[in-house]
N, C-alpha and C. Protein backbone atom coordinates (compact mmCIF):
# COMPACT_ATOMS: atom_id res chain seq x y z
N UNK A 1 43.15 17.65 53.29
CA UNK A 1 44.19 16.89 53.92
C UNK A 1 43.66 15.63 54.58
N UNK A 2 44.25 14.50 54.28
CA UNK A 2 43.79 13.26 54.87
C UNK A 2 45.00 12.37 55.17
N UNK A 3 44.80 11.50 56.14
CA UNK A 3 45.78 10.46 56.46
C UNK A 3 45.28 9.16 55.93
N UNK A 4 46.05 8.59 55.04
CA UNK A 4 45.66 7.25 54.47
C UNK A 4 45.91 6.15 55.50
N UNK A 5 44.81 5.49 55.94
CA UNK A 5 44.92 4.43 56.95
C UNK A 5 44.72 3.08 56.44
N UNK A 6 44.31 2.93 55.19
CA UNK A 6 43.98 1.73 54.62
C UNK A 6 44.19 1.72 53.10
N UNK A 7 44.58 0.62 52.56
CA UNK A 7 44.73 0.52 51.07
C UNK A 7 44.11 -0.78 50.63
N UNK A 8 43.27 -0.74 49.65
CA UNK A 8 42.60 -1.93 49.10
C UNK A 8 42.83 -2.00 47.65
N UNK A 9 43.01 -3.20 47.14
CA UNK A 9 43.12 -3.44 45.71
C UNK A 9 42.09 -4.51 45.37
N UNK A 10 41.24 -4.20 44.36
CA UNK A 10 40.28 -5.21 43.99
C UNK A 10 40.35 -5.44 42.49
N UNK A 11 39.90 -6.65 42.09
CA UNK A 11 39.97 -7.11 40.69
C UNK A 11 38.59 -7.47 40.23
N UNK A 12 38.16 -6.89 39.16
CA UNK A 12 36.83 -7.20 38.64
C UNK A 12 36.99 -7.59 37.19
N UNK A 13 36.02 -8.25 36.66
CA UNK A 13 35.98 -8.73 35.23
C UNK A 13 34.86 -7.95 34.52
N UNK A 14 34.89 -7.90 33.26
CA UNK A 14 33.89 -7.25 32.45
C UNK A 14 32.55 -7.66 32.86
N UNK A 15 31.63 -6.64 33.00
CA UNK A 15 30.24 -6.90 33.34
C UNK A 15 29.97 -6.99 34.82
N UNK A 16 30.96 -6.87 35.68
CA UNK A 16 30.76 -6.97 37.12
C UNK A 16 30.22 -5.62 37.63
N UNK A 17 29.25 -5.66 38.49
CA UNK A 17 28.74 -4.51 39.16
C UNK A 17 28.98 -4.64 40.65
N UNK A 18 29.65 -3.69 41.23
CA UNK A 18 29.94 -3.75 42.67
C UNK A 18 29.01 -2.82 43.45
N UNK A 19 28.89 -3.18 44.72
CA UNK A 19 28.06 -2.31 45.61
C UNK A 19 28.74 -1.04 45.99
N UNK A 20 28.00 -0.18 46.70
CA UNK A 20 28.54 1.11 47.14
C UNK A 20 29.27 0.90 48.52
N UNK A 21 30.31 1.72 48.67
CA UNK A 21 31.12 1.72 49.88
C UNK A 21 30.86 3.05 50.62
N UNK A 22 30.61 2.93 51.92
CA UNK A 22 30.26 4.08 52.74
C UNK A 22 30.56 3.76 54.24
N UNK A 23 31.14 4.75 54.86
CA UNK A 23 31.41 4.68 56.33
C UNK A 23 30.70 5.77 57.05
N UNK A 24 29.91 5.52 58.06
CA UNK A 24 29.28 6.51 58.86
C UNK A 24 30.20 7.21 59.83
N UNK A 25 29.85 8.45 60.19
CA UNK A 25 30.55 9.14 61.25
C UNK A 25 30.48 8.35 62.56
N UNK A 26 31.45 8.12 63.36
CA UNK A 26 32.74 8.81 63.39
C UNK A 26 33.87 8.12 62.56
N UNK A 27 33.49 7.07 61.78
CA UNK A 27 34.49 6.32 61.06
C UNK A 27 34.56 6.62 59.54
N UNK A 28 33.91 7.79 59.18
CA UNK A 28 33.92 8.15 57.78
C UNK A 28 35.34 8.33 57.24
N UNK A 29 35.43 7.96 55.98
CA UNK A 29 36.76 8.05 55.29
C UNK A 29 36.59 8.57 53.92
N UNK A 30 37.59 9.40 53.49
CA UNK A 30 37.65 9.72 52.09
C UNK A 30 38.33 8.62 51.33
N UNK A 31 38.12 8.56 50.02
CA UNK A 31 38.68 7.46 49.18
C UNK A 31 39.39 8.04 47.97
N UNK A 32 40.55 7.41 47.64
CA UNK A 32 41.26 7.79 46.41
C UNK A 32 41.10 6.59 45.51
N UNK A 33 40.49 6.74 44.34
CA UNK A 33 40.17 5.60 43.45
C UNK A 33 40.90 5.82 42.13
N UNK A 34 41.49 4.74 41.58
CA UNK A 34 42.08 4.76 40.27
C UNK A 34 41.83 3.40 39.63
N UNK A 35 42.04 3.41 38.37
CA UNK A 35 41.99 2.12 37.57
C UNK A 35 43.33 1.73 37.12
N UNK A 36 43.91 0.62 37.57
CA UNK A 36 45.29 0.26 37.21
C UNK A 36 45.30 -0.42 35.86
N UNK A 37 44.23 -1.07 35.48
CA UNK A 37 44.22 -1.78 34.19
C UNK A 37 42.77 -1.85 33.68
N UNK A 38 42.62 -1.40 32.40
CA UNK A 38 41.25 -1.41 31.78
C UNK A 38 40.57 -0.13 32.07
N UNK A 39 39.26 -0.22 32.38
CA UNK A 39 38.47 0.96 32.64
C UNK A 39 37.38 0.58 33.62
N UNK A 40 36.93 1.58 34.42
CA UNK A 40 35.80 1.46 35.31
C UNK A 40 34.96 2.65 35.23
N UNK A 41 33.66 2.46 35.46
CA UNK A 41 32.76 3.65 35.65
C UNK A 41 32.40 3.71 37.04
N UNK A 42 32.91 4.77 37.76
CA UNK A 42 32.69 4.89 39.17
C UNK A 42 31.59 5.93 39.45
N UNK A 43 30.73 5.56 40.38
CA UNK A 43 29.56 6.44 40.70
C UNK A 43 29.71 6.81 42.23
N UNK A 44 29.45 8.15 42.44
CA UNK A 44 29.43 8.63 43.83
C UNK A 44 28.03 9.20 44.10
N UNK A 45 27.63 9.08 45.42
CA UNK A 45 26.31 9.61 45.87
C UNK A 45 26.60 10.41 47.12
N UNK A 46 26.13 11.66 47.17
CA UNK A 46 26.37 12.53 48.32
C UNK A 46 25.30 12.14 49.39
N UNK A 47 25.76 11.55 50.52
CA UNK A 47 24.94 11.17 51.62
C UNK A 47 25.03 12.06 52.83
N UNK A 48 25.58 13.28 52.67
CA UNK A 48 25.68 14.23 53.78
C UNK A 48 24.43 15.12 53.88
N UNK A 49 23.58 14.87 54.89
CA UNK A 49 22.27 15.63 54.90
C UNK A 49 22.42 17.06 54.94
N UNK A 50 23.54 17.63 55.42
CA UNK A 50 23.74 19.09 55.50
C UNK A 50 24.24 19.71 54.17
N UNK A 51 24.58 18.86 53.25
CA UNK A 51 25.14 19.28 51.93
C UNK A 51 24.10 19.76 51.01
N UNK A 52 24.40 20.87 50.25
CA UNK A 52 23.43 21.35 49.27
C UNK A 52 23.35 20.42 48.08
N UNK A 53 24.25 19.42 47.98
CA UNK A 53 24.14 18.41 46.91
C UNK A 53 23.70 17.04 47.44
N UNK A 54 23.09 17.04 48.65
CA UNK A 54 22.62 15.77 49.23
C UNK A 54 21.72 15.08 48.29
N UNK A 55 22.03 13.73 48.10
CA UNK A 55 21.17 12.85 47.31
C UNK A 55 21.57 12.85 45.80
N UNK A 56 22.47 13.86 45.42
CA UNK A 56 22.84 13.89 44.04
C UNK A 56 23.91 12.82 43.72
N UNK A 57 24.01 12.45 42.48
CA UNK A 57 25.00 11.48 42.03
C UNK A 57 25.90 12.04 40.91
N UNK A 58 27.01 11.45 40.72
CA UNK A 58 27.90 11.78 39.66
C UNK A 58 28.63 10.57 39.22
N UNK A 59 28.88 10.39 37.95
CA UNK A 59 29.62 9.23 37.41
C UNK A 59 30.95 9.66 36.69
N UNK A 60 31.91 8.81 36.82
CA UNK A 60 33.22 9.15 36.25
C UNK A 60 33.86 7.90 35.57
N UNK A 61 34.31 8.06 34.32
CA UNK A 61 34.96 6.99 33.66
C UNK A 61 36.49 7.15 33.94
N UNK A 62 37.04 6.08 34.62
CA UNK A 62 38.47 6.04 34.88
C UNK A 62 39.08 4.94 34.03
N UNK A 63 40.12 5.33 33.25
CA UNK A 63 40.76 4.37 32.38
C UNK A 63 42.27 4.35 32.65
N UNK A 64 42.84 3.18 32.54
CA UNK A 64 44.33 3.11 32.81
C UNK A 64 45.16 3.98 31.95
N UNK A 65 44.78 4.10 30.69
CA UNK A 65 45.59 4.91 29.75
C UNK A 65 45.55 6.41 30.06
N UNK A 66 44.54 6.86 30.75
CA UNK A 66 44.44 8.25 31.11
C UNK A 66 45.18 8.63 32.37
N UNK A 67 45.44 7.64 33.22
CA UNK A 67 46.15 7.89 34.48
C UNK A 67 45.54 8.89 35.44
N UNK A 68 44.16 8.82 35.46
CA UNK A 68 43.39 9.73 36.40
C UNK A 68 43.09 9.02 37.71
N UNK A 69 43.01 9.81 38.76
CA UNK A 69 42.54 9.33 40.08
C UNK A 69 41.28 10.21 40.42
N UNK A 70 40.45 9.61 41.27
CA UNK A 70 39.27 10.32 41.73
C UNK A 70 39.28 10.39 43.24
N UNK A 71 39.26 11.60 43.81
CA UNK A 71 39.21 11.77 45.26
C UNK A 71 37.70 11.87 45.66
N UNK A 72 37.30 11.02 46.58
CA UNK A 72 35.88 10.99 47.07
C UNK A 72 35.90 11.37 48.57
N UNK A 73 35.43 12.58 48.93
CA UNK A 73 35.46 13.00 50.30
C UNK A 73 34.61 12.06 51.24
N UNK A 74 34.97 12.15 52.46
CA UNK A 74 34.08 11.41 53.44
C UNK A 74 32.67 11.89 53.37
N UNK A 75 31.75 10.96 53.60
CA UNK A 75 30.35 11.32 53.49
C UNK A 75 29.68 11.03 52.21
N UNK A 76 30.45 10.58 51.23
CA UNK A 76 29.90 10.16 49.91
C UNK A 76 30.11 8.67 49.78
N UNK A 77 29.05 8.05 49.21
CA UNK A 77 29.11 6.59 48.94
C UNK A 77 29.75 6.53 47.58
N UNK A 78 30.45 5.41 47.30
CA UNK A 78 31.18 5.20 46.07
C UNK A 78 31.09 3.73 45.65
N UNK A 79 30.87 3.52 44.36
CA UNK A 79 30.81 2.18 43.84
C UNK A 79 30.90 2.18 42.38
């Protein structure tokens, strides 16, 4: 359960690499990511020291034609 307090829309072109987004406690936020047009490869990194997956990464291909969204919990960096 989360309360959405901010909405951002960004536009990138082919070949663009963006940095990772992360907020530290007490301002940590979960993020809901989707691709409205085209495709993106989104990577998450677990930065929660107490987590058994601390330091691990995962990548996800999000494409507009598949209509998928990715929920990223607070404490994970995303880019």
